[in-house]
Amino acid sequence: MLKPKVIAQVLSQVNTNGIKATLLLNPDGSLISFAGGSESEAKVLAAVASNVWFAYERHGKPAAAAGAEGGEAGNSAESLQDLILDCEAGKLSVSRASRMLLCLVANEEVEWGLLKAKTKVLREYLEGPLSLVSPSAPP
């Protein structure tokens, strides 16, 4: 069972050097836990991040990654793992952590490398515990 307070404490450790909020969400966009900002902002960010992630995963793959029949990607190694966006009000990093999505929201001044590194470290840290809750990888 996930402990939301413990997860929120772990997520809050990343909220330094321009990172405004960190969220953990289900693939459907429902919020599991967050650190930074209000709950209403976190819910909106979770819905947006989930929609962008799955829209890109379905329609944004390069032609070379599509199957020979023009359908879905050939295997899970080709599936989307990270997505970093430059938004009007800052930067957004979304990454798959087990079957869930991890989202970091940063100020415009945060460097791309720092945002990517923080996302990677947190994803790797959460991957083990989250895989115990949802052991199988997404299709």
C-alpha atoms as a PDB file:
ATOM      1  CA  MET A   1       0.000   0.000   0.000  1.00  0.00           C
ATOM      2  CA  LEU A   2       1.231   3.476  -0.843  1.00  0.00           C
ATOM      3  CA  LYS A   3       1.635   5.943   2.007  1.00  0.00           C
ATOM      4  CA  PRO A   4       0.751   9.378   0.615  1.00  0.00           C
ATOM      5  CA  LYS A   5       2.512  11.338   3.382  1.00  0.00           C
ATOM      6  CA  VAL A   6       5.768   9.455   2.856  1.00  0.00           C
ATOM      7  CA  ILE A   7       5.541   9.852  -0.913  1.00  0.00           C
ATOM      8  CA  ALA A   8       4.842  13.586  -0.505  1.00  0.00           C
ATOM      9  CA  GLN A   9       7.942  13.901   1.699  1.00  0.00           C
ATOM     10  CA  VAL A  10      10.072  12.175  -0.933  1.00  0.00           C
ATOM     11  CA  LEU A  11       8.601  14.326  -3.713  1.00  0.00           C
ATOM     12  CA  SER A  12       9.209  17.525  -1.726  1.00  0.00           C
ATOM     13  CA  GLN A  13      12.948  16.815  -1.535  1.00  0.00           C
ATOM     14  CA  VAL A  14      13.216  17.619  -5.246  1.00  0.00           C
ATOM     15  CA  ASN A  15      11.495  21.001  -4.909  1.00  0.00           C
ATOM     16  CA  THR A  16      14.664  23.106  -4.782  1.00  0.00           C
ATOM     17  CA  ASN A  17      16.586  25.312  -7.226  1.00  0.00           C
ATOM     18  CA  GLY A  18      13.524  26.409  -9.195  1.00  0.00           C
ATOM     19  CA  ILE A  19      11.464  23.208  -9.108  1.00  0.00           C
ATOM     20  CA  LYS A  20       8.002  24.446  -8.059  1.00  0.00           C
ATOM     21  CA  ALA A  21       6.046  21.207  -7.786  1.00  0.00           C
ATOM     22  CA  THR A  22       6.458  17.455  -8.073  1.00  0.00           C
ATOM     23  CA  LEU A  23       3.554  15.112  -8.765  1.00  0.00           C
ATOM     24  CA  LEU A  24       2.967  11.376  -8.915  1.00  0.00           C
ATOM     25  CA  LEU A  25      -0.099  10.376 -10.905  1.00  0.00           C
ATOM     26  CA  ASN A  26      -1.909   7.422 -12.368  1.00  0.00           C
ATOM     27  CA  PRO A  27      -1.864   7.062 -16.155  1.00  0.00           C
ATOM     28  CA  ASP A  28      -5.474   8.300 -16.278  1.00  0.00           C
ATOM     29  CA  GLY A  29      -4.337  11.630 -14.795  1.00  0.00           C
ATOM     30  CA  SER A  30      -5.642  11.114 -11.280  1.00  0.00           C
ATOM     31  CA  LEU A  31      -3.313  12.495  -8.646  1.00  0.00           C
ATOM     32  CA  ILE A  32      -1.675  10.066  -6.212  1.00  0.00           C
ATOM     33  CA  SER A  33       0.542  12.491  -4.332  1.00  0.00           C
ATOM     34  CA  PHE A  34       2.139  15.892  -4.815  1.00  0.00           C
ATOM     35  CA  ALA A  35       4.499  18.370  -3.197  1.00  0.00           C
ATOM     36  CA  GLY A  36       4.386  22.097  -3.922  1.00  0.00           C
ATOM     37  CA  GLY A  37       1.453  24.272  -4.850  1.00  0.00           C
ATOM     38  CA  SER A  38      -2.191  23.758  -3.994  1.00  0.00           C
ATOM     39  CA  GLU A  39      -4.201  20.597  -4.500  1.00  0.00           C
ATOM     40  CA  SER A  40      -6.369  22.232  -7.165  1.00  0.00           C
ATOM     41  CA  GLU A  41      -3.259  23.316  -9.135  1.00  0.00           C
ATOM     42  CA  ALA A  42      -1.793  19.828  -8.745  1.00  0.00           C
ATOM     43  CA  LYS A  43      -4.959  18.205 -10.114  1.00  0.00           C
ATOM     44  CA  VAL A  44      -4.940  20.478 -13.150  1.00  0.00           C
ATOM     45  CA  LEU A  45      -1.227  19.841 -13.753  1.00  0.00           C
ATOM     46  CA  ALA A  46      -1.759  16.087 -13.405  1.00  0.00           C
ATOM     47  CA  ALA A  47      -4.553  16.094 -15.983  1.00  0.00           C
ATOM     48  CA  VAL A  48      -2.527  18.212 -18.410  1.00  0.00           C
ATOM     49  CA  ALA A  49       0.646  16.140 -17.985  1.00  0.00           C
ATOM     50  CA  SER A  50      -1.255  12.890 -18.502  1.00  0.00           C
ATOM     51  CA  ASN A  51      -3.016  14.171 -21.624  1.00  0.00           C
ATOM     52  CA  VAL A  52       0.206  15.503 -23.157  1.00  0.00           C
ATOM     53  CA  TRP A  53       2.054  12.268 -22.328  1.00  0.00           C
ATOM     54  CA  PHE A  54      -0.504   9.971 -23.913  1.00  0.00           C
ATOM     55  CA  ALA A  55      -1.161  12.238 -26.887  1.00  0.00           C
ATOM     56  CA  TYR A  56       2.545  12.226 -27.697  1.00  0.00           C
ATOM     57  CA  GLU A  57       2.820   8.489 -27.021  1.00  0.00           C
ATOM     58  CA  ARG A  58      -0.017   7.763 -29.480  1.00  0.00           C
ATOM     59  CA  HIS A  59       0.620  10.332 -32.186  1.00  0.00           C
ATOM     60  CA  GLY A  60       4.045  11.902 -31.742  1.00  0.00           C
ATOM     61  CA  LYS A  61       6.371   8.992 -32.451  1.00  0.00           C
ATOM     62  CA  PRO A  62       8.764   9.351 -35.352  1.00  0.00           C
ATOM     63  CA  ALA A  63       7.889   7.336 -38.443  1.00  0.00           C
ATOM     64  CA  ALA A  64      10.916   5.074 -37.905  1.00  0.00           C
ATOM     65  CA  ALA A  65       9.544   4.007 -34.514  1.00  0.00           C
ATOM     66  CA  ALA A  66       6.160   2.979 -35.943  1.00  0.00           C
ATOM     67  CA  GLY A  67       5.600  -0.650 -36.856  1.00  0.00           C
ATOM     68  CA  ALA A  68       6.013  -1.858 -40.430  1.00  0.00           C
ATOM     69  CA  GLU A  69       2.238  -1.706 -40.917  1.00  0.00           C
ATOM     70  CA  GLY A  70       2.147   1.911 -39.703  1.00  0.00           C
ATOM     71  CA  GLY A  71       0.568   0.854 -36.429  1.00  0.00           C
ATOM     72  CA  GLU A  72       1.804   0.771 -32.892  1.00  0.00           C
ATOM     73  CA  ALA A  73       5.443   0.778 -31.848  1.00  0.00           C
ATOM     74  CA  GLY A  74       7.192  -2.536 -32.212  1.00  0.00           C
ATOM     75  CA  ASN A  75       8.212  -3.148 -28.588  1.00  0.00           C
ATOM     76  CA  SER A  76       8.354  -1.557 -25.160  1.00  0.00           C
ATOM     77  CA  ALA A  77      11.968  -0.448 -25.676  1.00  0.00           C
ATOM     78  CA  GLU A  78      10.620   2.033 -28.233  1.00  0.00           C
ATOM     79  CA  SER A  79       7.917   3.384 -25.943  1.00  0.00           C
ATOM     80  CA  LEU A  80       8.114   6.882 -24.534  1.00  0.00           C
ATOM     81  CA  GLN A  81      10.172   7.133 -21.332  1.00  0.00           C
ATOM     82  CA  ASP A  82      10.696  10.884 -20.787  1.00  0.00           C
ATOM     83  CA  LEU A  83       9.098  14.073 -22.055  1.00  0.00           C
ATOM     84  CA  ILE A  84      10.397  17.572 -21.305  1.00  0.00           C
ATOM     85  CA  LEU A  85       8.391  20.587 -22.447  1.00  0.00           C
ATOM     86  CA  ASP A  86       8.940  24.322 -22.525  1.00  0.00           C
ATOM     87  CA  CYS A  87       5.651  25.907 -21.472  1.00  0.00           C
ATOM     88  CA  GLU A  88       4.523  29.511 -21.287  1.00  0.00           C
ATOM     89  CA  ALA A  89       4.853  29.634 -17.501  1.00  0.00           C
ATOM     90  CA  GLY A  90       7.870  27.346 -17.071  1.00  0.00           C
ATOM     91  CA  LYS A  91       9.153  23.871 -17.859  1.00  0.00           C
ATOM     92  CA  LEU A  92       7.507  20.500 -17.425  1.00  0.00           C
ATOM     93  CA  SER A  93       9.218  17.127 -17.170  1.00  0.00           C
ATOM     94  CA  VAL A  94       7.140  13.939 -17.318  1.00  0.00           C
ATOM     95  CA  SER A  95       8.584  10.459 -16.933  1.00  0.00           C
ATOM     96  CA  ARG A  96       7.238   6.949 -16.538  1.00  0.00           C
ATOM     97  CA  ALA A  97       7.909   5.428 -13.112  1.00  0.00           C
ATOM     98  CA  SER A  98       6.681   1.837 -13.129  1.00  0.00           C
ATOM     99  CA  ARG A  99       3.025   2.129 -14.266  1.00  0.00           C
ATOM    100  CA  MET A 100       2.707   5.674 -12.973  1.00  0.00           C
ATOM    101  CA  LEU A 101       3.799   9.067 -14.242  1.00  0.00           C
ATOM    102  CA  LEU A 102       6.171  11.391 -12.434  1.00  0.00           C
ATOM    103  CA  CYS A 103       5.900  15.095 -13.224  1.00  0.00           C
ATOM    104  CA  LEU A 104       8.209  17.959 -12.248  1.00  0.00           C
ATOM    105  CA  VAL A 105       7.176  21.574 -12.787  1.00  0.00           C
ATOM    106  CA  ALA A 106       9.986  24.133 -12.922  1.00  0.00           C
ATOM    107  CA  ASN A 107      10.526  27.862 -13.373  1.00  0.00           C
ATOM    108  CA  GLU A 108      11.663  29.126 -16.767  1.00  0.00           C
ATOM    109  CA  GLU A 109      15.153  29.774 -15.351  1.00  0.00           C
ATOM    110  CA  VAL A 110      15.832  26.123 -14.471  1.00  0.00           C
ATOM    111  CA  GLU A 111      18.384  24.582 -16.809  1.00  0.00           C
ATOM    112  CA  TRP A 112      17.268  21.637 -18.951  1.00  0.00           C
ATOM    113  CA  GLY A 113      20.046  19.400 -17.640  1.00  0.00           C
ATOM    114  CA  LEU A 114      19.142  20.029 -14.002  1.00  0.00           C
ATOM    115  CA  LEU A 115      15.468  19.310 -14.679  1.00  0.00           C
ATOM    116  CA  LYS A 116      16.312  16.105 -16.525  1.00  0.00           C
ATOM    117  CA  ALA A 117      18.768  14.984 -13.826  1.00  0.00           C
ATOM    118  CA  LYS A 118      16.311  15.575 -10.986  1.00  0.00           C
ATOM    119  CA  THR A 119      13.603  13.715 -12.869  1.00  0.00           C
ATOM    120  CA  LYS A 120      15.915  10.776 -13.547  1.00  0.00           C
ATOM    121  CA  VAL A 121      17.166  10.496  -9.952  1.00  0.00           C
ATOM    122  CA  LEU A 122      13.664  10.658  -8.488  1.00  0.00           C
ATOM    123  CA  ARG A 123      12.303   8.191 -11.051  1.00  0.00           C
ATOM    124  CA  GLU A 124      15.070   5.693 -10.264  1.00  0.00           C
ATOM    125  CA  TYR A 125      14.490   6.125  -6.533  1.00  0.00           C
ATOM    126  CA  LEU A 126      10.737   5.521  -6.830  1.00  0.00           C
ATOM    127  CA  GLU A 127      10.930   2.743  -9.445  1.00  0.00           C
ATOM    128  CA  GLY A 128      11.592  -0.068  -6.948  1.00  0.00           C
ATOM    129  CA  PRO A 129       8.858   0.733  -4.414  1.00  0.00           C
ATOM    130  CA  LEU A 130       6.321   1.548  -7.138  1.00  0.00           C
ATOM    131  CA  SER A 131       7.026  -1.702  -8.989  1.00  0.00           C
ATOM    132  CA  LEU A 132       5.984  -3.577  -5.844  1.00  0.00           C
ATOM    133  CA  VAL A 133       2.591  -1.877  -5.993  1.00  0.00           C
ATOM    134  CA  SER A 134       2.167  -2.269  -9.755  1.00  0.00           C
ATOM    135  CA  PRO A 135       4.618  -5.011 -10.827  1.00  0.00           C
ATOM    136  CA  SER A 136       3.847  -5.340 -14.529  1.00  0.00           C
ATOM    137  CA  ALA A 137       4.983  -2.817 -17.110  1.00  0.00           C
ATOM    138  CA  PRO A 138       2.404  -1.030 -19.273  1.00  0.00           C
ATOM    139  CA  PRO A 139       1.493  -2.647 -22.589  1.00  0.00           C
END
